[in-house]
Amino acid sequence: MLRKILFILLLLANCCAFSCVVSADPLSKNKDYQQYVDYFEKVYKIFEDNYYLPPDRAVYNQFLQKFNTLIYAQLKGEGKSDDYVRWRSAWYLVEALHSKDDRFTQFYPPKPAEKFQHEAMAQKVDLGIEGKKASLGFLVTRVEPHSDAYFKGLREEDTILQIDGQSVQPLPETAIDAKLTPVINTNVKLLVLSNDTKQQETLEVVSKEYFRQTVFLHQTPVEGVICLEINHFNEMTANEVYAFLKSINTQELKGLVIDFRGNPGGQLGGALEMSSFFLKDGDEFAYFQQRNVPKYDLKVPELTVGLKLACPMIILVDSGTGSCAELFAGIMQFKKRAYVLGVNTAGQILLKHIFPVGDGSTIGLVTARGHYPDGTVFGFDGITPDKIITDAPKDGLINLAAALIAHASQ
């Protein structure tokens, strides 16, 4: 009889334990649970097919367990929407799957994904007009060279008198800025007082995507030495560099300073094309190695412009110098074509691609590591300058670089 009682008590205890386990899983009765799992499987599949390291399935299973027992209940308890739960959970999953050294792979929900894509491509959507309120209207202080407004003839020092028939004089500057940043494909009619002709003219401009100007010319105190500040790389960067170099007498150029400080990189093709101004056509530049794929070799391209510079060159870098900007600096240093000043770069010499998940969100995924021509891997600690200089003023370091070039040429 005692054995029967003990058996019944043990059976009841097991049933209670099973009941507790089931009730601890908030998704056990959720009919939408499989939709979450399908979404997470899609994220894992993107990693499995494209990440530079094979993902660990055990880490994925641990994430699912944590989602079932903790993440879902916490987010729903905070009143978050199903979309938010899915996207935030996917962010946790991506953080778990990528390697500890990888600071660059990330999950982007729809709005941040769109912003990231434009920033990565150095693209912008607006009229490309900057300025300030003046006595006659809105004085234009800058027009993006690749914008429709520049193409239609608007220039710095012109004054915008009306926007879509409305005088700008009574409007606050914030309202004028808002009218000059409409949604994409919006037609805007500007009444402009030209600074050159002193005549009024009407310009019809369109808000659309364009590549931002990335190259800016700076004079230095040293005659014959110029500085090109390059704050990003896109499809137009090499063309802009060429335009500036063409505007000066390269035969009299004693030296060139390239300022990459704060340049996060951008499109690799822009940096590769720029290398053709300084290196021999067809030379090995670098290569990227993706998992289970033959290495991706980069060669110095042959450009039809045929511009080659042999003058001394100094490149300025800092912790904000990343991706193809630090790749360019590292290769110029490796080939002894340039002297590098500043502090260690960001350590982002890798290939990162954007993969859509299917609902407007994306994953920015590291797909390959970068290598020097001799096979050495670019480290995550970045490029180490030939001379470390910290806390230097922006213009001060430019002037120092120009002075070093002048001293070396004596």
Protein backbone atom coordinates (compact mmCIF):
# COMPACT_ATOMS: atom_id res chain seq x y z
CA MET A 1 0.00 0.00 0.00
CA LEU A 2 2.88 2.37 0.89
CA ARG A 3 4.50 1.66 -2.47
CA LYS A 4 1.29 2.59 -4.30
CA ILE A 5 1.02 5.86 -2.36
CA LEU A 6 4.66 6.73 -3.13
CA PHE A 7 4.13 5.88 -6.83
CA ILE A 8 1.03 8.12 -7.02
CA LEU A 9 2.87 11.01 -5.30
CA LEU A 10 5.84 10.62 -7.66
CA LEU A 11 3.50 10.61 -10.68
CA LEU A 12 1.74 13.75 -9.45
CA ALA A 13 5.08 15.48 -8.88
CA ASN A 14 6.21 14.68 -12.42
CA CYS A 15 2.93 15.97 -13.84
CA CYS A 16 3.29 19.22 -11.87
CA ALA A 17 6.87 19.62 -13.08
CA PHE A 18 5.79 19.08 -16.68
CA SER A 19 2.97 21.57 -16.22
CA CYS A 20 5.42 24.15 -14.87
CA VAL A 21 7.78 23.69 -17.81
CA VAL A 22 4.95 24.14 -20.31
CA SER A 23 3.55 27.20 -18.56
CA ALA A 24 7.04 28.71 -18.37
CA ASP A 25 7.11 28.79 -22.17
CA PRO A 26 4.92 31.76 -23.14
CA LEU A 27 4.91 30.70 -26.78
CA SER A 28 3.60 27.18 -26.28
CA LYS A 29 0.08 28.30 -27.11
CA ASN A 30 1.02 31.12 -29.50
CA LYS A 31 -0.14 30.31 -33.02
CA ASP A 32 2.27 32.91 -34.46
CA TYR A 33 5.32 31.25 -32.91
CA GLN A 34 6.32 29.53 -36.16
CA GLN A 35 6.44 32.90 -37.93
CA TYR A 36 9.10 34.04 -35.48
CA VAL A 37 11.07 30.83 -35.96
CA ASP A 38 10.86 31.12 -39.75
CA TYR A 39 12.19 34.68 -39.52
CA PHE A 40 15.08 33.66 -37.26
CA GLU A 41 15.88 30.74 -39.58
CA LYS A 42 16.11 33.19 -42.47
CA VAL A 43 18.58 35.29 -40.47
CA TYR A 44 20.63 32.20 -39.66
CA LYS A 45 20.59 31.10 -43.30
CA ILE A 46 22.01 34.49 -44.37
CA PHE A 47 24.86 33.94 -41.91
CA GLU A 48 25.38 30.36 -43.04
CA ASP A 49 25.61 31.32 -46.71
CA ASN A 50 27.53 34.58 -46.49
CA TYR A 51 29.38 35.27 -43.21
CA TYR A 52 33.17 35.13 -43.34
CA LEU A 53 33.12 32.53 -40.53
CA PRO A 54 30.75 29.52 -40.29
CA PRO A 55 28.04 30.27 -37.68
CA ASP A 56 27.55 27.96 -34.70
CA ARG A 57 24.17 26.18 -34.73
CA ALA A 58 24.44 25.57 -30.99
CA VAL A 59 24.52 29.35 -30.44
CA TYR A 60 21.37 29.64 -32.55
CA ASN A 61 19.62 26.95 -30.46
CA GLN A 62 20.62 28.74 -27.26
CA PHE A 63 19.13 31.94 -28.64
CA LEU A 64 15.82 30.17 -29.42
CA GLN A 65 15.67 28.88 -25.88
CA LYS A 66 16.33 32.36 -24.51
CA PHE A 67 13.67 33.80 -26.84
CA ASN A 68 11.12 31.24 -25.65
CA THR A 69 11.76 31.73 -21.95
CA LEU A 70 12.83 35.34 -21.59
CA ILE A 71 13.01 37.71 -24.59
CA TYR A 72 9.45 37.26 -25.88
CA ALA A 73 7.79 37.58 -22.46
CA GLN A 74 9.86 40.65 -21.56
CA LEU A 75 9.15 42.55 -24.79
CA LYS A 76 5.45 41.69 -24.89
CA GLY A 77 5.22 42.61 -21.22
CA GLU A 78 6.51 46.05 -22.18
CA GLY A 79 3.66 46.34 -24.68
CA LYS A 80 5.87 46.11 -27.76
CA SER A 81 4.35 45.33 -31.15
CA ASP A 82 4.91 42.05 -32.98
CA ASP A 83 7.16 43.85 -35.48
CA TYR A 84 9.28 45.29 -32.69
CA VAL A 85 9.55 41.89 -31.00
CA ARG A 86 10.67 40.29 -34.26
CA TRP A 87 13.23 42.99 -35.11
CA ARG A 88 14.64 43.37 -31.60
CA SER A 89 14.95 39.61 -31.24
CA ALA A 90 16.68 39.36 -34.62
CA TRP A 91 19.12 42.00 -33.39
CA TYR A 92 19.90 39.79 -30.36
CA LEU A 93 20.38 36.82 -32.67
CA VAL A 94 22.80 38.67 -34.95
CA GLU A 95 24.77 39.86 -31.92
CA ALA A 96 25.04 36.25 -30.75
CA LEU A 97 26.09 34.82 -34.12
CA HIS A 98 28.87 37.16 -35.18
CA SER A 99 32.41 36.74 -33.87
CA LYS A 100 33.61 38.67 -30.82
CA ASP A 101 36.17 40.57 -32.92
CA ASP A 102 33.56 41.66 -35.45
CA ARG A 103 32.20 45.08 -34.48
CA PHE A 104 30.64 45.73 -37.87
CA THR A 105 27.98 43.08 -38.55
CA GLN A 106 24.59 44.43 -37.46
CA PHE A 107 20.85 44.03 -37.88
CA TYR A 108 18.93 47.07 -39.18
CA PRO A 109 15.11 47.35 -38.94
CA PRO A 110 13.43 49.10 -41.90
CA LYS A 111 14.01 52.81 -41.16
CA PRO A 112 17.60 52.44 -39.92
CA ALA A 113 18.22 50.06 -42.83
CA GLU A 114 17.24 52.73 -45.35
CA LYS A 115 19.40 55.32 -43.57
CA PHE A 116 22.37 52.93 -43.42
CA GLN A 117 22.15 52.17 -47.11
CA HIS A 118 22.23 55.86 -48.05
CA GLU A 119 25.11 56.54 -45.66
CA ALA A 120 27.09 53.55 -46.89
CA MET A 121 26.72 54.74 -50.48
CA ALA A 122 27.39 58.38 -49.53
CA GLN A 123 24.03 59.27 -51.02
CA LYS A 124 21.55 61.93 -49.98
CA VAL A 125 17.99 62.86 -50.94
CA ASP A 126 17.24 66.59 -51.03
CA LEU A 127 17.83 69.64 -53.21
CA GLY A 128 21.48 69.93 -52.20
CA ILE A 129 21.12 73.57 -51.06
CA GLU A 130 22.53 75.13 -47.90
CA GLY A 131 22.33 78.75 -46.85
CA LYS A 132 21.23 81.36 -44.35
CA LYS A 133 18.60 84.06 -43.99
CA ALA A 134 19.67 87.43 -45.43
CA SER A 135 18.08 90.83 -46.05
CA LEU A 136 16.79 89.99 -49.54
CA GLY A 137 15.95 86.35 -48.98
CA PHE A 138 17.85 83.08 -48.47
CA LEU A 139 21.55 83.46 -49.32
CA VAL A 140 22.97 80.24 -50.78
CA THR A 141 26.25 79.31 -49.10
CA ARG A 142 26.71 75.91 -50.71
CA VAL A 143 25.27 73.80 -53.53
CA GLU A 144 26.14 70.11 -53.81
CA PRO A 145 27.96 69.73 -57.16
CA HIS A 146 26.10 66.51 -58.02
CA SER A 147 22.62 67.78 -57.12
CA ASP A 148 19.92 68.79 -59.59
CA ALA A 149 20.03 72.37 -58.28
CA TYR A 150 23.69 72.70 -59.29
CA PHE A 151 22.95 71.13 -62.66
CA LYS A 152 20.18 73.69 -63.23
CA GLY A 153 22.58 76.58 -62.53
CA LEU A 154 22.21 77.52 -58.84
CA ARG A 155 25.50 78.71 -57.33
CA GLU A 156 26.94 79.99 -54.06
CA GLU A 157 26.13 83.64 -53.31
CA ASP A 158 22.86 83.43 -55.28
CA THR A 159 19.79 84.52 -53.31
CA ILE A 160 16.54 82.53 -53.25
CA LEU A 161 13.64 84.98 -53.21
CA GLN A 162 10.67 82.61 -53.51
CA ILE A 163 10.01 78.88 -53.08
CA ASP A 164 6.98 77.60 -55.01
CA GLY A 165 5.65 81.14 -55.33
CA GLN A 166 5.97 81.96 -51.62
CA SER A 167 8.33 84.72 -50.51
CA VAL A 168 11.01 83.48 -48.14
CA GLN A 169 11.42 86.84 -46.32
CA PRO A 170 8.68 86.31 -43.71
CA LEU A 171 9.66 82.64 -43.14
CA PRO A 172 11.96 81.52 -40.32
CA GLU A 173 15.13 79.74 -41.41
CA THR A 174 13.82 76.38 -40.16
CA ALA A 175 10.77 76.68 -42.44
CA ILE A 176 12.99 77.53 -45.41
CA ASP A 177 15.22 74.52 -44.69
CA ALA A 178 12.15 72.30 -44.56
CA LYS A 179 11.00 73.54 -47.97
CA LEU A 180 14.47 72.83 -49.38
CA THR A 181 14.43 69.21 -48.12
CA PRO A 182 11.21 67.79 -49.62
CA VAL A 183 10.51 64.10 -50.17
CA ILE A 184 12.14 62.38 -53.11
CA ASN A 185 11.00 63.27 -56.67
CA THR A 186 9.37 66.53 -55.57
CA ASN A 187 9.52 69.38 -58.10
CA VAL A 188 10.32 72.74 -56.51
CA LYS A 189 10.19 76.12 -58.27
CA LEU A 190 12.76 78.66 -57.10
CA LEU A 191 12.85 82.36 -57.91
CA VAL A 192 16.54 83.24 -57.69
CA LEU A 193 18.54 86.45 -57.82
CA SER A 194 21.80 85.52 -59.57
CA ASN A 195 24.94 86.89 -57.97
CA ASP A 196 26.71 86.91 -61.35
CA THR A 197 24.12 88.51 -63.61
CA LYS A 198 22.17 90.45 -60.92
CA GLN A 199 19.04 89.22 -62.72
CA GLN A 200 16.09 87.22 -61.41
CA GLU A 201 15.52 83.79 -62.92
CA THR A 202 13.22 80.85 -62.25
CA LEU A 203 14.73 77.41 -61.69
CA GLU A 204 12.70 74.21 -61.49
CA VAL A 205 14.66 71.65 -59.48
CA VAL A 206 13.91 68.12 -58.33
CA SER A 207 14.65 66.47 -55.00
CA LYS A 208 16.40 63.22 -55.82
CA GLU A 209 19.24 60.95 -54.86
CA TYR A 210 22.69 62.20 -55.69
CA PHE A 211 26.25 61.45 -54.69
CA ARG A 212 27.50 63.98 -52.17
CA GLN A 213 30.72 65.86 -52.79
CA THR A 214 33.49 63.99 -50.99
CA VAL A 215 36.68 65.83 -52.00
CA PHE A 216 37.65 69.33 -50.85
CA LEU A 217 40.75 71.30 -51.75
CA HIS A 218 42.77 73.05 -49.03
CA GLN A 219 45.75 75.30 -49.55
CA THR A 220 48.74 74.92 -47.24
CA PRO A 221 51.36 77.47 -46.11
CA VAL A 222 53.94 75.65 -48.24
CA GLU A 223 54.04 76.72 -51.87
CA GLY A 224 53.52 73.81 -54.24
CA VAL A 225 51.97 71.54 -51.58
CA ILE A 226 48.17 71.09 -51.53
CA CYS A 227 45.82 69.12 -49.35
CA LEU A 228 42.84 67.10 -50.53
CA GLU A 229 40.37 66.35 -47.74
CA ILE A 230 38.37 63.24 -48.65
CA ASN A 231 35.54 62.58 -46.20
CA HIS A 232 33.94 59.57 -47.92
CA PHE A 233 34.27 57.32 -50.97
CA ASN A 234 31.57 56.93 -53.60
CA GLU A 235 31.37 56.47 -57.35
CA MET A 236 32.32 60.10 -58.00
CA THR A 237 35.31 60.41 -55.63
CA ALA A 238 38.02 59.52 -58.14
CA ASN A 239 36.46 61.92 -60.67
CA GLU A 240 36.51 64.71 -58.08
CA VAL A 241 40.17 64.02 -57.23
CA TYR A 242 41.01 64.12 -60.93
CA ALA A 243 39.13 67.39 -61.40
CA PHE A 244 41.09 69.08 -58.60
CA LEU A 245 44.43 67.74 -59.82
CA LYS A 246 43.62 68.79 -63.36
CA SER A 247 42.86 72.32 -62.16
CA ILE A 248 46.42 72.79 -60.89
CA ASN A 249 49.79 72.48 -62.60
CA THR A 250 50.80 68.99 -61.53
CA GLN A 251 54.26 69.56 -63.03
CA GLU A 252 54.88 72.15 -60.33
CA LEU A 253 53.28 70.10 -57.56
CA LYS A 254 55.91 69.53 -54.87
CA GLY A 255 53.79 67.39 -52.61
CA LEU A 256 50.30 66.19 -51.75
CA VAL A 257 48.60 65.79 -48.38
CA ILE A 258 45.53 63.54 -48.31
CA ASP A 259 43.37 63.99 -45.22
CA PHE A 260 41.36 60.86 -44.44
CA ARG A 261 40.55 61.78 -40.84
CA GLY A 262 36.92 60.92 -40.10
CA ASN A 263 36.50 59.17 -43.46
CA PRO A 264 34.43 56.00 -42.74
CA GLY A 265 35.10 54.53 -46.19
CA GLY A 266 32.27 53.83 -48.59
CA GLN A 267 32.50 52.30 -52.03
CA LEU A 268 35.66 50.29 -52.62
CA GLY A 269 35.69 51.12 -56.33
CA GLY A 270 36.25 54.81 -55.59
CA ALA A 271 39.40 54.10 -53.58
CA LEU A 272 40.67 51.58 -56.12
CA GLU A 273 40.24 54.02 -59.01
CA MET A 274 42.02 56.71 -57.02
CA SER A 275 45.03 54.42 -56.58
CA SER A 276 45.65 54.59 -60.34
CA PHE A 277 46.87 58.19 -59.93
CA PHE A 278 49.75 56.98 -57.73
CA LEU A 279 50.56 53.34 -58.57
CA LYS A 280 51.52 51.38 -61.66
CA ASP A 281 48.63 50.06 -63.75
CA GLY A 282 47.91 46.38 -63.12
CA ASP A 283 49.87 46.16 -59.85
CA GLU A 284 48.47 44.01 -57.07
CA PHE A 285 46.59 46.27 -54.72
CA ALA A 286 45.05 43.93 -52.15
CA TYR A 287 42.71 40.96 -51.96
CA PHE A 288 39.72 39.79 -49.93
CA GLN A 289 39.13 36.22 -48.84
CA GLN A 290 35.60 34.93 -48.44
CA ARG A 291 34.75 31.54 -46.95
CA ASN A 292 34.66 28.72 -49.52
CA VAL A 293 35.20 31.19 -52.37
CA PRO A 294 38.38 31.92 -54.39
CA LYS A 295 40.14 35.08 -53.25
CA TYR A 296 38.95 38.35 -54.71
CA ASP A 297 42.02 40.10 -56.19
CA LEU A 298 42.17 43.85 -56.59
CA LYS A 299 44.43 45.32 -59.26
CA VAL A 300 45.32 48.95 -59.85
CA PRO A 301 43.00 49.91 -62.74
CA GLU A 302 44.11 51.59 -65.92
CA LEU A 303 42.23 54.85 -66.31
CA THR A 304 41.87 56.61 -69.65
CA VAL A 305 42.84 59.96 -68.10
CA GLY A 306 46.44 58.73 -67.80
CA LEU A 307 47.30 60.96 -64.81
CA LYS A 308 50.25 59.75 -62.72
CA LEU A 309 51.74 61.65 -59.77
CA ALA A 310 55.24 60.95 -58.50
CA CYS A 311 55.42 63.74 -55.91
CA PRO A 312 55.86 62.97 -52.18
CA MET A 313 52.60 62.18 -50.37
CA ILE A 314 51.52 62.17 -46.73
CA ILE A 315 48.23 60.64 -45.60
CA LEU A 316 46.51 61.76 -42.40
CA VAL A 317 44.41 59.21 -40.49
CA ASP A 318 42.61 58.80 -37.18
CA SER A 319 40.30 56.35 -35.41
CA GLY A 320 37.47 57.49 -37.68
CA THR A 321 39.35 56.42 -40.80
CA GLY A 322 37.72 53.16 -41.86
CA SER A 323 37.06 50.64 -44.59
CA CYS A 324 38.45 51.53 -48.02
CA ALA A 325 39.93 54.80 -46.68
CA GLU A 326 42.25 52.91 -44.35
CA LEU A 327 42.79 50.26 -47.05
CA PHE A 328 44.09 52.97 -49.40
CA ALA A 329 46.29 54.41 -46.65
CA GLY A 330 47.59 50.97 -45.68
CA ILE A 331 48.49 49.97 -49.23
CA MET A 332 50.20 53.32 -49.95
CA GLN A 333 52.19 52.77 -46.75
CA PHE A 334 52.94 49.12 -47.61
CA LYS A 335 54.22 50.07 -51.06
CA LYS A 336 56.20 52.97 -49.53
CA ARG A 337 54.32 55.41 -51.74
CA ALA A 338 53.09 57.52 -48.82
CA TYR A 339 54.03 58.42 -45.25
CA VAL A 340 51.16 58.07 -42.77
CA LEU A 341 50.57 60.43 -39.82
CA GLY A 342 48.00 60.35 -37.02
CA VAL A 343 46.63 57.54 -34.84
CA ASN A 344 45.51 53.98 -35.53
CA THR A 345 42.60 53.60 -37.93
CA ALA A 346 39.29 51.85 -37.26
CA GLY A 347 40.29 48.30 -38.29
CA GLN A 348 37.48 47.88 -40.82
CA ILE A 349 39.34 46.51 -43.84
CA LEU A 350 36.76 43.91 -44.77
CA LEU A 351 33.90 43.42 -47.18
CA LYS A 352 30.47 44.18 -45.76
CA HIS A 353 27.35 43.51 -47.77
CA ILE A 354 23.72 44.41 -47.11
CA PHE A 355 21.32 41.45 -47.14
CA PRO A 356 17.54 42.00 -47.06
CA VAL A 357 15.60 39.83 -44.64
CA GLY A 358 12.32 40.34 -46.47
CA ASP A 359 10.31 42.87 -44.44
CA GLY A 360 12.32 46.01 -45.09
CA SER A 361 14.97 45.11 -42.55
CA THR A 362 18.52 44.18 -43.52
CA ILE A 363 21.70 42.67 -42.13
CA GLY A 364 25.00 44.43 -42.74
CA LEU A 365 27.23 41.36 -42.83
CA VAL A 366 31.02 41.01 -42.95
CA THR A 367 31.62 38.58 -45.80
CA ALA A 368 35.42 38.68 -46.21
CA ARG A 369 38.65 39.88 -44.56
CA GLY A 370 41.16 42.08 -46.35
CA HIS A 371 44.76 41.05 -47.07
CA TYR A 372 47.94 42.83 -48.16
CA PRO A 373 49.41 41.65 -51.48
CA ASP A 374 51.83 39.40 -49.52
CA GLY A 375 48.95 37.60 -47.78
CA THR A 376 49.11 39.37 -44.41
CA VAL A 377 45.64 39.98 -42.96
CA PHE A 378 44.67 43.54 -42.11
CA GLY A 379 44.18 43.57 -38.35
CA PHE A 380 41.09 44.62 -36.47
CA ASP A 381 43.34 47.09 -34.61
CA GLY A 382 43.70 49.17 -37.78
CA ILE A 383 46.61 50.70 -39.67
CA THR A 384 49.44 51.95 -37.46
CA PRO A 385 50.83 55.27 -38.76
CA ASP A 386 54.53 55.74 -39.49
CA LYS A 387 54.44 58.47 -36.87
CA ILE A 388 51.84 58.62 -34.10
CA ILE A 389 50.51 62.12 -33.47
CA THR A 390 47.63 62.58 -31.03
CA ASP A 391 45.40 65.57 -30.28
CA ALA A 392 46.67 67.59 -33.23
CA PRO A 393 44.41 70.42 -34.47
CA LYS A 394 42.89 69.79 -37.90
CA ASP A 395 44.77 72.53 -39.71
CA GLY A 396 47.82 72.06 -37.54
CA LEU A 397 48.40 68.50 -38.72
CA ILE A 398 47.85 69.51 -42.34
CA ASN A 399 50.45 72.28 -42.00
CA LEU A 400 52.87 69.91 -40.28
CA ALA A 401 52.51 67.39 -43.09
CA ALA A 402 53.15 70.10 -45.69
CA ALA A 403 56.25 71.25 -43.77
CA LEU A 404 57.56 67.66 -43.61
CA ILE A 405 57.18 67.32 -47.37
CA ALA A 406 59.01 70.61 -47.91
CA HIS A 407 61.82 69.57 -45.55
CA ALA A 408 62.22 66.18 -47.23
CA SER A 409 62.49 67.76 -50.67
CA GLN A 410 65.35 70.08 -49.67
